[in-house]
């Protein structure tokens, strides 16, 4: 049961779903036994203040790739999952490239 490396910009264009455990982490759902799955493309139902720009490209965010590569062990431990399979090219992204990708989003 590996940690997912999918990013939100890609997931909201898909038919994938997220679990209510994510809503619990955000303080939206208080039922610890809830097993409801929510479609990513309807994320605003649970998170109306969020604005996620959709992308058809799986690895569209250098920032996401950098952060997942750098902290994959800690994230997997925090979520109680096995470490994910990080694509090799994600390991070549520099901190500066990650920062630059965020600046492009704001432009």
C-alpha atoms as a PDB file:
ATOM      1  CA  UNK A   1       0.000   0.000   0.000  1.00  0.00           C
ATOM      2  CA  UNK A   2       2.317   2.703  -1.321  1.00  0.00           C
ATOM      3  CA  UNK A   3       1.950   6.427  -0.873  1.00  0.00           C
ATOM      4  CA  UNK A   4       0.446   8.013  -3.971  1.00  0.00           C
ATOM      5  CA  UNK A   5       2.598  10.489  -5.868  1.00  0.00           C
ATOM      6  CA  UNK A   6      -0.261  11.885  -7.958  1.00  0.00           C
ATOM      7  CA  UNK A   7      -0.604  15.646  -7.802  1.00  0.00           C
ATOM      8  CA  UNK A   8      -3.930  17.442  -7.466  1.00  0.00           C
ATOM      9  CA  UNK A   9      -3.712  19.299 -10.775  1.00  0.00           C
ATOM     10  CA  UNK A  10      -3.643  15.944 -12.558  1.00  0.00           C
ATOM     11  CA  UNK A  11      -6.086  14.147 -10.261  1.00  0.00           C
ATOM     12  CA  UNK A  12      -8.925  16.653 -10.705  1.00  0.00           C
ATOM     13  CA  UNK A  13      -8.939  15.897 -14.452  1.00  0.00           C
ATOM     14  CA  UNK A  14      -9.326  12.177 -13.734  1.00  0.00           C
ATOM     15  CA  UNK A  15     -12.034   9.910 -12.384  1.00  0.00           C
ATOM     16  CA  UNK A  16      -9.951   9.246  -9.247  1.00  0.00           C
ATOM     17  CA  UNK A  17     -11.304   9.732  -5.742  1.00  0.00           C
ATOM     18  CA  UNK A  18      -9.882  10.701  -2.369  1.00  0.00           C
ATOM     19  CA  UNK A  19     -10.897   9.238   0.964  1.00  0.00           C
ATOM     20  CA  UNK A  20     -12.583  10.954   3.829  1.00  0.00           C
ATOM     21  CA  UNK A  21      -9.368  10.512   5.804  1.00  0.00           C
ATOM     22  CA  UNK A  22      -8.107  13.527   3.877  1.00  0.00           C
ATOM     23  CA  UNK A  23     -11.185  15.469   4.982  1.00  0.00           C
ATOM     24  CA  UNK A  24     -10.537  14.399   8.583  1.00  0.00           C
ATOM     25  CA  UNK A  25      -6.979  15.722   8.356  1.00  0.00           C
ATOM     26  CA  UNK A  26      -8.420  19.038   7.196  1.00  0.00           C
ATOM     27  CA  UNK A  27     -11.006  19.006  10.023  1.00  0.00           C
ATOM     28  CA  UNK A  28     -13.989  18.692   7.655  1.00  0.00           C
ATOM     29  CA  UNK A  29     -15.110  15.170   8.590  1.00  0.00           C
ATOM     30  CA  UNK A  30     -15.175  14.094  12.229  1.00  0.00           C
ATOM     31  CA  UNK A  31     -16.264  10.465  11.752  1.00  0.00           C
ATOM     32  CA  UNK A  32     -13.080   8.431  12.282  1.00  0.00           C
ATOM     33  CA  UNK A  33     -14.695   5.379  10.654  1.00  0.00           C
ATOM     34  CA  UNK A  34     -15.936   7.202   7.560  1.00  0.00           C
ATOM     35  CA  UNK A  35     -15.104   5.398   4.313  1.00  0.00           C
ATOM     36  CA  UNK A  36     -16.696   7.851   1.899  1.00  0.00           C
ATOM     37  CA  UNK A  37     -14.727   8.467  -1.293  1.00  0.00           C
ATOM     38  CA  UNK A  38     -15.003  11.856  -2.973  1.00  0.00           C
ATOM     39  CA  UNK A  39     -14.328  12.527  -6.674  1.00  0.00           C
ATOM     40  CA  UNK A  40     -11.290  14.761  -7.105  1.00  0.00           C
ATOM     41  CA  UNK A  41     -13.128  16.699  -9.807  1.00  0.00           C
ATOM     42  CA  UNK A  42     -15.691  17.726  -7.165  1.00  0.00           C
ATOM     43  CA  UNK A  43     -13.089  18.872  -4.620  1.00  0.00           C
ATOM     44  CA  UNK A  44     -14.795  22.239  -4.147  1.00  0.00           C
ATOM     45  CA  UNK A  45     -17.712  20.511  -2.428  1.00  0.00           C
ATOM     46  CA  UNK A  46     -15.361  19.756   0.468  1.00  0.00           C
ATOM     47  CA  UNK A  47     -12.860  22.589  -0.030  1.00  0.00           C
ATOM     48  CA  UNK A  48     -14.742  25.612  -1.440  1.00  0.00           C
ATOM     49  CA  UNK A  49     -11.846  28.012  -0.854  1.00  0.00           C
ATOM     50  CA  UNK A  50      -9.389  25.981  -2.928  1.00  0.00           C
ATOM     51  CA  UNK A  51      -8.598  26.808  -6.538  1.00  0.00           C
ATOM     52  CA  UNK A  52      -6.683  24.023  -8.295  1.00  0.00           C
ATOM     53  CA  UNK A  53      -5.748  24.595 -11.927  1.00  0.00           C
ATOM     54  CA  UNK A  54      -6.264  21.348 -13.869  1.00  0.00           C
ATOM     55  CA  UNK A  55      -3.532  19.773 -15.975  1.00  0.00           C
ATOM     56  CA  UNK A  56      -3.484  16.802 -18.321  1.00  0.00           C
ATOM     57  CA  UNK A  57       0.207  16.285 -17.576  1.00  0.00           C
ATOM     58  CA  UNK A  58       0.978  13.889 -14.707  1.00  0.00           C
ATOM     59  CA  UNK A  59       4.235  15.577 -13.694  1.00  0.00           C
ATOM     60  CA  UNK A  60       3.241  19.170 -14.403  1.00  0.00           C
ATOM     61  CA  UNK A  61       4.550  20.622 -11.140  1.00  0.00           C
ATOM     62  CA  UNK A  62       8.303  20.729 -10.562  1.00  0.00           C
ATOM     63  CA  UNK A  63       7.584  21.862  -7.007  1.00  0.00           C
ATOM     64  CA  UNK A  64       5.456  18.763  -6.350  1.00  0.00           C
ATOM     65  CA  UNK A  65       8.055  16.460  -7.870  1.00  0.00           C
ATOM     66  CA  UNK A  66      10.856  18.047  -5.826  1.00  0.00           C
ATOM     67  CA  UNK A  67       8.918  17.883  -2.552  1.00  0.00           C
ATOM     68  CA  UNK A  68       7.733  14.298  -3.072  1.00  0.00           C
ATOM     69  CA  UNK A  69      11.266  13.194  -3.889  1.00  0.00           C
ATOM     70  CA  UNK A  70      12.842  15.068  -0.974  1.00  0.00           C
ATOM     71  CA  UNK A  71      10.302  14.035   1.677  1.00  0.00           C
ATOM     72  CA  UNK A  72       8.932  10.720   0.393  1.00  0.00           C
ATOM     73  CA  UNK A  73      10.208   8.785   3.416  1.00  0.00           C
ATOM     74  CA  UNK A  74       8.740  11.221   5.950  1.00  0.00           C
ATOM     75  CA  UNK A  75       5.429  11.508   4.078  1.00  0.00           C
ATOM     76  CA  UNK A  76       5.076   7.729   3.804  1.00  0.00           C
ATOM     77  CA  UNK A  77       5.762   7.316   7.526  1.00  0.00           C
ATOM     78  CA  UNK A  78       3.322  10.105   8.414  1.00  0.00           C
ATOM     79  CA  UNK A  79       0.551   8.538   6.304  1.00  0.00           C
ATOM     80  CA  UNK A  80       1.394   4.966   7.418  1.00  0.00           C
ATOM     81  CA  UNK A  81       2.134   3.842   3.873  1.00  0.00           C
ATOM     82  CA  UNK A  82       4.992   2.197   2.042  1.00  0.00           C
ATOM     83  CA  UNK A  83       7.425   4.514   0.306  1.00  0.00           C
ATOM     84  CA  UNK A  84       6.321   5.413  -3.229  1.00  0.00           C
ATOM     85  CA  UNK A  85       8.075   4.692  -6.494  1.00  0.00           C
ATOM     86  CA  UNK A  86       9.540   8.078  -7.422  1.00  0.00           C
ATOM     87  CA  UNK A  87      10.166   8.493 -11.167  1.00  0.00           C
ATOM     88  CA  UNK A  88      13.882   8.819 -11.856  1.00  0.00           C
ATOM     89  CA  UNK A  89      13.611  12.214 -13.568  1.00  0.00           C
ATOM     90  CA  UNK A  90      11.956  13.689 -10.451  1.00  0.00           C
ATOM     91  CA  UNK A  91      15.263  13.129  -8.636  1.00  0.00           C
ATOM     92  CA  UNK A  92      17.040  15.594 -10.918  1.00  0.00           C
ATOM     93  CA  UNK A  93      14.864  18.616 -10.078  1.00  0.00           C
ATOM     94  CA  UNK A  94      16.726  21.283  -8.125  1.00  0.00           C
ATOM     95  CA  UNK A  95      15.359  23.424  -5.334  1.00  0.00           C
ATOM     96  CA  UNK A  96      15.647  26.432  -7.643  1.00  0.00           C
ATOM     97  CA  UNK A  97      13.635  24.713 -10.398  1.00  0.00           C
ATOM     98  CA  UNK A  98      10.946  23.910  -7.820  1.00  0.00           C
ATOM     99  CA  UNK A  99      10.806  27.554  -6.702  1.00  0.00           C
ATOM    100  CA  UNK A 100      10.716  28.776 -10.302  1.00  0.00           C
ATOM    101  CA  UNK A 101       7.735  26.498 -11.047  1.00  0.00           C
ATOM    102  CA  UNK A 102       5.792  28.181  -8.232  1.00  0.00           C
ATOM    103  CA  UNK A 103       6.586  31.608  -9.624  1.00  0.00           C
ATOM    104  CA  UNK A 104       5.166  30.530 -12.990  1.00  0.00           C
ATOM    105  CA  UNK A 105       1.902  29.573 -11.309  1.00  0.00           C
ATOM    106  CA  UNK A 106       1.551  33.081  -9.901  1.00  0.00           C
ATOM    107  CA  UNK A 107       2.279  34.752 -13.248  1.00  0.00           C
END
